[in-house]
Amino acid sequence: MVEGWVTMLVLAFGLAVAIVGVVAYLRMFRKEKFASAARSSAEIPPPVTISARTADTELAAEPISEQAERLD
């Protein structure tokens, strides 16, 4: 039969591993949540590109990019 101190040592080790695992998971979850919030607030949509085509579907001119100017 296993002595009492071995049982307590194994239980303490398991508890310590569980606590470390929960802390690591929460840190990872918060970091991911913060990164996604920062990405979504800083995300700027790509500019709209308008291209003129001829009857032969060739580009008549370079694409024109329309994007709102920033008012700083």
N, C-alpha and C. Protein backbone atom coordinates (compact mmCIF):
# COMPACT_ATOMS: atom_id res chain seq x y z
N MET A 1 0.85 -1.18 0.00
CA MET A 1 0.00 0.00 0.00
C MET A 1 0.89 1.24 0.00
N VAL A 2 0.42 2.30 -0.66
CA VAL A 2 1.18 3.53 -0.75
C VAL A 2 1.03 4.32 0.54
N GLU A 3 2.15 4.89 0.95
CA GLU A 3 2.12 5.67 2.19
C GLU A 3 1.43 7.01 1.94
N GLY A 4 1.01 7.65 3.02
CA GLY A 4 0.25 8.89 2.94
C GLY A 4 1.02 10.05 2.33
N TRP A 5 2.33 10.12 2.59
CA TRP A 5 3.10 11.26 2.09
C TRP A 5 3.26 11.21 0.57
N VAL A 6 3.30 9.97 0.00
CA VAL A 6 3.40 9.82 -1.45
C VAL A 6 2.10 10.28 -2.10
N THR A 7 0.99 9.89 -1.51
CA THR A 7 -0.31 10.31 -2.03
C THR A 7 -0.44 11.83 -2.00
N MET A 8 -0.05 12.44 -0.91
CA MET A 8 -0.13 13.90 -0.79
C MET A 8 0.80 14.57 -1.80
N LEU A 9 1.98 14.00 -2.02
CA LEU A 9 2.92 14.56 -2.98
C LEU A 9 2.35 14.50 -4.41
N VAL A 10 1.76 13.38 -4.77
CA VAL A 10 1.16 13.22 -6.10
C VAL A 10 -0.02 14.17 -6.27
N LEU A 11 -0.87 14.29 -5.25
CA LEU A 11 -2.00 15.22 -5.33
C LEU A 11 -1.53 16.67 -5.44
N ALA A 12 -0.50 17.03 -4.68
CA ALA A 12 0.03 18.40 -4.75
C ALA A 12 0.62 18.67 -6.14
N PHE A 13 1.33 17.69 -6.69
CA PHE A 13 1.89 17.86 -8.03
C PHE A 13 0.78 18.01 -9.07
N GLY A 14 -0.25 17.22 -9.00
CA GLY A 14 -1.37 17.31 -9.93
C GLY A 14 -2.09 18.65 -9.81
N LEU A 15 -2.26 19.12 -8.60
CA LEU A 15 -2.89 20.41 -8.38
C LEU A 15 -2.04 21.55 -8.95
N ALA A 16 -0.74 21.47 -8.74
CA ALA A 16 0.17 22.49 -9.27
C ALA A 16 0.14 22.49 -10.81
N VAL A 17 0.14 21.34 -11.42
CA VAL A 17 0.09 21.24 -12.88
C VAL A 17 -1.24 21.80 -13.40
N ALA A 18 -2.32 21.53 -12.71
CA ALA A 18 -3.63 22.04 -13.13
C ALA A 18 -3.67 23.56 -13.04
N ILE A 19 -3.14 24.13 -11.97
CA ILE A 19 -3.14 25.58 -11.80
C ILE A 19 -2.28 26.25 -12.87
N VAL A 20 -1.10 25.69 -13.12
CA VAL A 20 -0.22 26.25 -14.15
C VAL A 20 -0.90 26.15 -15.52
N GLY A 21 -1.57 25.07 -15.80
CA GLY A 21 -2.28 24.92 -17.07
C GLY A 21 -3.39 25.93 -17.25
N VAL A 22 -4.17 26.16 -16.21
CA VAL A 22 -5.25 27.15 -16.28
C VAL A 22 -4.70 28.54 -16.47
N VAL A 23 -3.64 28.90 -15.75
CA VAL A 23 -3.02 30.22 -15.89
C VAL A 23 -2.48 30.40 -17.31
N ALA A 24 -1.82 29.39 -17.85
CA ALA A 24 -1.27 29.48 -19.22
C ALA A 24 -2.40 29.62 -20.23
N TYR A 25 -3.48 28.88 -20.06
CA TYR A 25 -4.62 28.98 -20.97
C TYR A 25 -5.24 30.38 -20.92
N LEU A 26 -5.44 30.91 -19.72
CA LEU A 26 -6.04 32.24 -19.60
C LEU A 26 -5.15 33.31 -20.20
N ARG A 27 -3.84 33.21 -20.02
CA ARG A 27 -2.92 34.19 -20.63
C ARG A 27 -3.00 34.12 -22.15
N MET A 28 -3.06 32.91 -22.70
CA MET A 28 -3.15 32.74 -24.14
C MET A 28 -4.48 33.28 -24.66
N PHE A 29 -5.58 33.00 -23.96
CA PHE A 29 -6.90 33.45 -24.37
C PHE A 29 -6.98 34.98 -24.34
N ARG A 30 -6.46 35.61 -23.30
CA ARG A 30 -6.50 37.07 -23.20
C ARG A 30 -5.63 37.71 -24.27
N LYS A 31 -4.46 37.13 -24.54
CA LYS A 31 -3.57 37.68 -25.56
C LYS A 31 -4.24 37.60 -26.93
N GLU A 32 -4.89 36.48 -27.22
CA GLU A 32 -5.58 36.30 -28.51
C GLU A 32 -6.75 37.27 -28.61
N LYS A 33 -7.49 37.45 -27.53
CA LYS A 33 -8.63 38.36 -27.53
C LYS A 33 -8.16 39.80 -27.75
N PHE A 34 -7.07 40.19 -27.09
CA PHE A 34 -6.53 41.54 -27.25
C PHE A 34 -6.03 41.76 -28.67
N ALA A 35 -5.36 40.75 -29.24
CA ALA A 35 -4.83 40.87 -30.60
C ALA A 35 -5.96 41.00 -31.62
N SER A 36 -7.03 40.23 -31.45
CA SER A 36 -8.14 40.31 -32.40
C SER A 36 -8.87 41.63 -32.27
N ALA A 37 -8.97 42.19 -31.06
CA ALA A 37 -9.61 43.49 -30.88
C ALA A 37 -8.76 44.58 -31.51
N ALA A 38 -7.46 44.49 -31.37
CA ALA A 38 -6.57 45.49 -31.95
C ALA A 38 -6.59 45.40 -33.47
N ARG A 39 -6.64 44.19 -34.00
CA ARG A 39 -6.69 43.99 -35.44
C ARG A 39 -7.98 44.55 -36.03
N SER A 40 -9.12 44.27 -35.39
CA SER A 40 -10.39 44.71 -35.94
C SER A 40 -10.55 46.22 -35.87
N SER A 41 -10.00 46.86 -34.84
CA SER A 41 -10.13 48.31 -34.75
C SER A 41 -9.15 49.02 -35.69
N ALA A 42 -8.03 48.40 -35.98
CA ALA A 42 -7.03 49.03 -36.84
C ALA A 42 -7.15 48.59 -38.29
N GLU A 43 -8.07 47.70 -38.57
CA GLU A 43 -8.19 47.16 -39.92
C GLU A 43 -8.82 48.21 -40.84
N ILE A 44 -8.15 48.50 -41.92
CA ILE A 44 -8.63 49.45 -42.91
C ILE A 44 -8.99 48.67 -44.16
N PRO A 45 -10.18 48.88 -44.70
CA PRO A 45 -10.56 48.12 -45.88
C PRO A 45 -9.67 48.49 -47.07
N PRO A 46 -9.46 47.56 -47.99
CA PRO A 46 -8.61 47.84 -49.15
C PRO A 46 -9.27 48.89 -50.04
N PRO A 47 -8.47 49.64 -50.77
CA PRO A 47 -9.05 50.67 -51.64
C PRO A 47 -9.83 50.06 -52.79
N VAL A 48 -10.82 50.79 -53.27
CA VAL A 48 -11.64 50.35 -54.40
C VAL A 48 -10.87 50.66 -55.67
N THR A 49 -10.74 49.69 -56.56
CA THR A 49 -10.01 49.88 -57.80
C THR A 49 -10.99 49.85 -58.96
N ILE A 50 -10.94 50.88 -59.79
CA ILE A 50 -11.79 50.97 -60.97
C ILE A 50 -10.89 50.85 -62.19
N SER A 51 -11.23 49.96 -63.09
CA SER A 51 -10.43 49.83 -64.31
C SER A 51 -11.34 49.98 -65.52
N ALA A 52 -10.86 50.73 -66.51
CA ALA A 52 -11.61 50.94 -67.75
C ALA A 52 -11.20 49.88 -68.75
N ARG A 53 -12.15 49.24 -69.39
CA ARG A 53 -11.86 48.19 -70.36
C ARG A 53 -12.41 48.61 -71.72
N THR A 54 -11.72 48.20 -72.76
CA THR A 54 -12.19 48.46 -74.12
C THR A 54 -13.08 47.32 -74.56
N ALA A 55 -13.55 47.38 -75.78
CA ALA A 55 -14.41 46.32 -76.31
C ALA A 55 -13.67 44.99 -76.39
N ASP A 56 -12.35 45.04 -76.54
CA ASP A 56 -11.55 43.82 -76.62
C ASP A 56 -11.17 43.32 -75.24
N THR A 57 -11.71 43.90 -74.20
CA THR A 57 -11.46 43.59 -72.79
C THR A 57 -10.00 43.79 -72.41
N GLU A 58 -9.32 44.69 -73.09
CA GLU A 58 -7.97 45.04 -72.69
C GLU A 58 -8.05 46.28 -71.82
N LEU A 59 -7.08 46.44 -70.98
CA LEU A 59 -7.07 47.62 -70.13
C LEU A 59 -6.69 48.84 -70.97
N ALA A 60 -7.56 49.85 -70.93
CA ALA A 60 -7.30 51.07 -71.68
C ALA A 60 -6.35 51.98 -70.91
N ALA A 61 -6.39 51.89 -69.60
CA ALA A 61 -5.54 52.74 -68.77
C ALA A 61 -5.21 51.97 -67.50
N GLU A 62 -4.29 52.50 -66.75
CA GLU A 62 -3.94 51.91 -65.47
C GLU A 62 -5.15 51.98 -64.53
N PRO A 63 -5.31 51.03 -63.62
CA PRO A 63 -6.41 51.10 -62.67
C PRO A 63 -6.32 52.37 -61.82
N ILE A 64 -7.47 52.92 -61.54
CA ILE A 64 -7.54 54.13 -60.72
C ILE A 64 -7.99 53.71 -59.33
N SER A 65 -7.25 54.11 -58.34
CA SER A 65 -7.57 53.76 -56.97
C SER A 65 -8.31 54.92 -56.32
N GLU A 66 -9.48 54.62 -55.75
CA GLU A 66 -10.24 55.64 -55.04
C GLU A 66 -10.21 55.31 -53.56
N GLN A 67 -9.78 56.25 -52.79
CA GLN A 67 -9.72 56.04 -51.35
C GLN A 67 -9.96 57.38 -50.67
N ALA A 68 -10.77 57.37 -49.64
CA ALA A 68 -11.07 58.60 -48.92
C ALA A 68 -9.80 59.14 -48.28
N GLU A 69 -9.65 60.46 -48.34
CA GLU A 69 -8.49 61.08 -47.72
C GLU A 69 -8.72 61.22 -46.24
N ARG A 70 -7.65 61.08 -45.48
CA ARG A 70 -7.74 61.22 -44.04
C ARG A 70 -7.70 62.68 -43.65
N LEU A 71 -8.53 63.04 -42.71
CA LEU A 71 -8.53 64.39 -42.17
C LEU A 71 -7.88 64.34 -40.80
N ASP A 72 -6.62 64.66 -40.74
CA ASP A 72 -5.89 64.61 -39.47
C ASP A 72 -5.85 65.96 -38.81
